[in-house]
Amino acid sequence: MVLDPLQPLLEVKVSLQAPQMVEGEVCIIFSKEELDRYALPFQFSLVLKFLRQRPSLDTIRSFIRARWGLSKQPIVYSMLKPRNVFVRMTIEEDFVKAFARKSCEIDGFSYRPFHWTIDYHEELEPVRVLVWLKLLGLPPIFYHEDLLRNITLPIGRFLKRDNSTRCATRTDGARVCVEMDVSKDLLKALWIGTPHHPLSFLSRSGI
């Protein structure tokens, strides 16, 4: 089923907020909890930052429909910066599939994908980016998706594993895609189990 691009947002009930004066400036203040609730319809959204030129929105929509293999057609529209495009999806499976694509180009135009969140600002370079990591030394008994989701928590948000890891056709370690904060140092190693215990495993991470 194709998502109607004109489908309106589900309205949220908001009490009237009185304007305030802070440091001589007029402002309307909402709590972090309120902002998170308002952002729910956009939780599976991406920003595509095209590196040089940007194809037309119709070209982007057609390419996504034909090549991304999503269950629902996302809503695609322009942003303040001409080379940025907002892609709003409605289900997590489509979001992960789109975010973790290995080929980041549309009709020959290269882009960088970023997860849109309420603290995303177009004028700033995002620090949370998609990274493919190798977890060297991780035995294949830990290649199950839910186990990898837990194991990668100290590194970032697990998105997916590659096909070799999913099928356990390699035993030297797992290859996973995570969304991580690149402003922080990459965790070099972590223990699966109590450190140095005979039944524990030390996995080293690398890009």
Protein backbone atom coordinates (compact mmCIF):
# COMPACT_ATOMS: atom_id res chain seq x y z
CA MET A 1 0.00 0.00 0.00
CA VAL A 2 1.36 3.43 -0.96
CA LEU A 3 1.25 6.13 1.67
CA ASP A 4 -0.80 9.13 0.56
CA PRO A 5 1.72 12.03 0.39
CA LEU A 6 -1.04 14.43 1.45
CA GLN A 7 -1.99 12.45 4.54
CA PRO A 8 -2.17 14.93 7.46
CA LEU A 9 -0.37 14.43 10.73
CA LEU A 10 -2.29 12.97 13.62
CA GLU A 11 -3.01 15.98 15.82
CA VAL A 12 -1.76 16.06 19.40
CA LYS A 13 -3.62 17.83 22.17
CA VAL A 14 -1.57 20.71 23.58
CA SER A 15 -2.61 23.07 26.35
CA LEU A 16 -2.24 26.77 25.61
CA GLN A 17 1.23 27.97 26.62
CA ALA A 18 1.55 31.55 27.85
CA PRO A 19 4.51 33.42 26.32
CA GLN A 20 7.41 34.17 28.64
CA MET A 21 10.21 36.72 28.72
CA VAL A 22 13.70 35.27 29.16
CA GLU A 23 16.73 37.57 28.97
CA GLY A 24 14.59 40.16 27.21
CA GLU A 25 13.39 37.72 24.52
CA VAL A 26 9.83 36.48 23.97
CA CYS A 27 9.62 32.68 24.00
CA ILE A 28 7.22 29.74 24.22
CA ILE A 29 8.69 26.94 26.34
CA PHE A 30 7.90 23.24 26.04
CA SER A 31 9.42 20.47 28.15
CA LYS A 32 11.69 17.76 26.72
CA GLU A 33 8.93 15.21 27.39
CA GLU A 34 6.44 17.30 25.42
CA LEU A 35 8.84 17.73 22.48
CA ASP A 36 9.50 13.98 22.39
CA ARG A 37 5.74 13.36 22.20
CA TYR A 38 5.28 15.89 19.38
CA ALA A 39 8.18 14.29 17.48
CA LEU A 40 6.69 10.77 17.47
CA PRO A 41 5.29 11.06 13.91
CA PHE A 42 8.85 11.87 12.75
CA GLN A 43 10.77 9.22 14.71
CA PHE A 44 11.55 7.21 11.55
CA SER A 45 12.74 10.15 9.46
CA LEU A 46 16.00 10.68 7.59
CA VAL A 47 17.81 13.72 6.28
CA LEU A 48 19.65 13.10 3.00
CA LYS A 49 22.49 15.59 2.61
CA PHE A 50 23.53 15.59 -1.04
CA LEU A 51 27.23 16.27 -1.47
CA ARG A 52 27.18 18.43 -4.60
CA GLN A 53 23.98 18.64 -6.57
CA ARG A 54 20.53 17.40 -5.57
CA PRO A 55 18.17 15.67 -7.99
CA SER A 56 14.59 16.85 -8.18
CA LEU A 57 12.13 15.70 -5.55
CA ASP A 58 10.19 13.78 -8.20
CA THR A 59 13.39 11.94 -9.19
CA ILE A 60 14.11 11.11 -5.56
CA ARG A 61 10.57 9.85 -4.98
CA SER A 62 10.66 7.69 -8.11
CA PHE A 63 14.07 6.27 -7.24
CA ILE A 64 12.98 5.39 -3.70
CA ARG A 65 9.81 3.74 -4.98
CA ALA A 66 11.72 1.65 -7.52
CA ARG A 67 14.95 0.82 -5.68
CA TRP A 68 14.66 0.96 -1.89
CA GLY A 69 12.20 -1.90 -1.49
CA LEU A 70 10.13 -0.23 1.23
CA SER A 71 6.73 -1.49 2.29
CA LYS A 72 5.27 2.03 2.16
CA GLN A 73 6.24 5.01 0.06
CA PRO A 74 7.73 7.69 2.36
CA ILE A 75 6.92 11.38 2.30
CA VAL A 76 9.78 13.30 0.66
CA TYR A 77 10.13 17.06 0.78
CA SER A 78 12.72 19.82 0.69
CA MET A 79 14.40 21.52 3.62
CA LEU A 80 15.86 24.95 4.29
CA LYS A 81 19.22 24.09 2.72
CA PRO A 82 18.74 23.36 -1.01
CA ARG A 83 20.82 20.16 -1.01
CA ASN A 84 19.02 18.61 1.98
CA VAL A 85 15.95 16.40 1.69
CA PHE A 86 13.63 15.17 4.44
CA VAL A 87 12.36 11.59 4.11
CA ARG A 88 9.61 10.61 6.56
CA MET A 89 8.77 6.95 6.99
CA THR A 90 6.12 5.41 9.22
CA ILE A 91 7.54 2.03 10.23
CA GLU A 92 10.89 1.11 11.75
CA GLU A 93 11.64 -1.69 9.28
CA ASP A 94 11.53 0.75 6.37
CA PHE A 95 13.63 3.27 8.31
CA VAL A 96 16.39 0.73 9.03
CA LYS A 97 16.37 -0.52 5.44
CA ALA A 98 16.72 3.03 4.09
CA PHE A 99 19.24 4.26 6.67
CA ALA A 100 21.58 1.27 6.37
CA ARG A 101 21.73 1.14 2.57
CA LYS A 102 25.29 0.51 1.44
CA SER A 103 24.79 2.50 -1.76
CA CYS A 104 24.26 6.14 -0.83
CA GLU A 105 23.38 7.58 -4.21
CA ILE A 106 20.21 8.48 -6.07
CA ASP A 107 20.33 8.60 -9.86
CA GLY A 108 24.10 9.17 -9.70
CA PHE A 109 23.94 11.88 -6.99
CA SER A 110 25.76 10.95 -3.77
CA TYR A 111 24.34 11.76 -0.34
CA ARG A 112 25.01 11.18 3.35
CA PRO A 113 22.07 9.93 5.44
CA PHE A 114 21.36 11.15 8.97
CA HIS A 115 18.68 10.19 11.45
CA TRP A 116 16.46 13.21 12.11
CA THR A 117 15.86 13.92 15.81
CA ILE A 118 14.49 16.92 17.69
CA ASP A 119 18.03 18.21 18.27
CA TYR A 120 18.95 18.11 14.57
CA HIS A 121 20.03 21.49 13.19
CA GLU A 122 20.73 21.98 9.48
CA GLU A 123 23.47 24.51 10.08
CA LEU A 124 25.47 22.11 12.27
CA GLU A 125 27.31 18.96 11.23
CA PRO A 126 25.55 15.99 12.87
CA VAL A 127 27.62 13.93 15.30
CA ARG A 128 25.36 10.88 15.25
CA VAL A 129 26.14 8.98 12.07
CA LEU A 130 25.78 5.52 10.59
CA VAL A 131 28.87 3.32 10.87
CA TRP A 132 29.59 -0.27 9.84
CA LEU A 133 31.70 -1.94 12.55
CA LYS A 134 33.53 -5.24 12.89
CA LEU A 135 33.27 -7.03 16.23
CA LEU A 136 36.40 -9.15 15.92
CA GLY A 137 36.61 -12.32 17.97
CA LEU A 138 32.88 -12.51 18.63
CA PRO A 139 31.80 -16.18 18.38
CA PRO A 140 28.89 -16.98 16.04
CA ILE A 141 26.66 -18.00 18.96
CA PHE A 142 26.24 -14.24 19.53
CA TYR A 143 25.21 -13.43 15.94
CA HIS A 144 21.48 -13.43 16.80
CA GLU A 145 19.98 -9.99 16.17
CA ASP A 146 18.68 -9.43 19.70
CA LEU A 147 22.04 -10.43 21.19
CA LEU A 148 23.88 -8.02 18.89
CA ARG A 149 21.40 -5.30 19.83
CA ASN A 150 22.46 -5.74 23.48
CA ILE A 151 26.17 -6.17 22.77
CA THR A 152 26.40 -2.94 20.76
CA LEU A 153 24.57 -0.80 23.34
CA PRO A 154 27.85 0.68 24.72
CA ILE A 155 28.78 1.68 21.15
CA GLY A 156 25.53 3.00 19.69
CA ARG A 157 22.10 2.08 18.40
CA PHE A 158 22.05 -1.25 16.54
CA LEU A 159 20.44 -1.08 13.09
CA LYS A 160 21.30 -4.28 11.26
CA ARG A 161 23.92 -7.00 10.61
CA ASP A 162 25.40 -7.95 7.27
CA ASN A 163 24.32 -11.09 5.43
CA SER A 164 27.44 -13.08 6.42
CA THR A 165 26.69 -12.40 10.07
CA ARG A 166 22.97 -13.12 9.65
CA CYS A 167 23.75 -16.48 8.02
CA ALA A 168 26.74 -17.20 10.33
CA THR A 169 29.01 -17.96 7.36
CA ARG A 170 32.01 -16.37 9.08
CA THR A 171 33.47 -17.13 12.49
CA ASP A 172 36.09 -14.38 12.93
CA GLY A 173 33.57 -11.81 14.13
CA ALA A 174 30.35 -9.99 13.34
CA ARG A 175 29.80 -7.03 11.04
CA VAL A 176 27.08 -4.69 12.25
CA CYS A 177 25.63 -1.32 11.34
CA VAL A 178 25.14 1.10 14.23
CA GLU A 179 24.17 4.73 14.70
CA MET A 180 26.83 6.24 16.95
CA ASP A 181 28.14 9.53 18.27
CA VAL A 182 31.41 10.10 16.38
CA SER A 183 32.34 13.01 18.65
CA LYS A 184 33.28 10.36 21.22
CA ASP A 185 36.12 7.87 20.99
CA LEU A 186 35.15 4.48 19.61
CA LEU A 187 35.04 1.78 22.28
CA LYS A 188 38.01 -0.40 21.34
CA ALA A 189 36.98 -3.60 23.12
CA LEU A 190 34.28 -5.04 25.32
CA TRP A 191 33.74 -8.22 27.26
CA ILE A 192 30.83 -10.56 26.71
CA GLY A 193 30.46 -11.88 30.23
CA THR A 194 32.56 -11.20 33.33
CA PRO A 195 36.04 -9.97 32.35
CA HIS A 196 38.67 -12.72 32.21
CA HIS A 197 36.19 -15.47 33.14
CA PRO A 198 36.82 -18.75 31.26
CA LEU A 199 33.35 -18.59 29.68
CA SER A 200 33.65 -14.92 28.68
CA PHE A 201 34.76 -13.48 25.35
CA LEU A 202 36.69 -10.33 24.53
CA SER A 203 35.57 -8.65 21.31
CA ARG A 204 37.54 -5.85 19.66
CA SER A 205 35.71 -3.29 17.58
CA GLY A 206 36.93 -1.51 14.50
CA ILE A 207 35.63 0.31 11.44
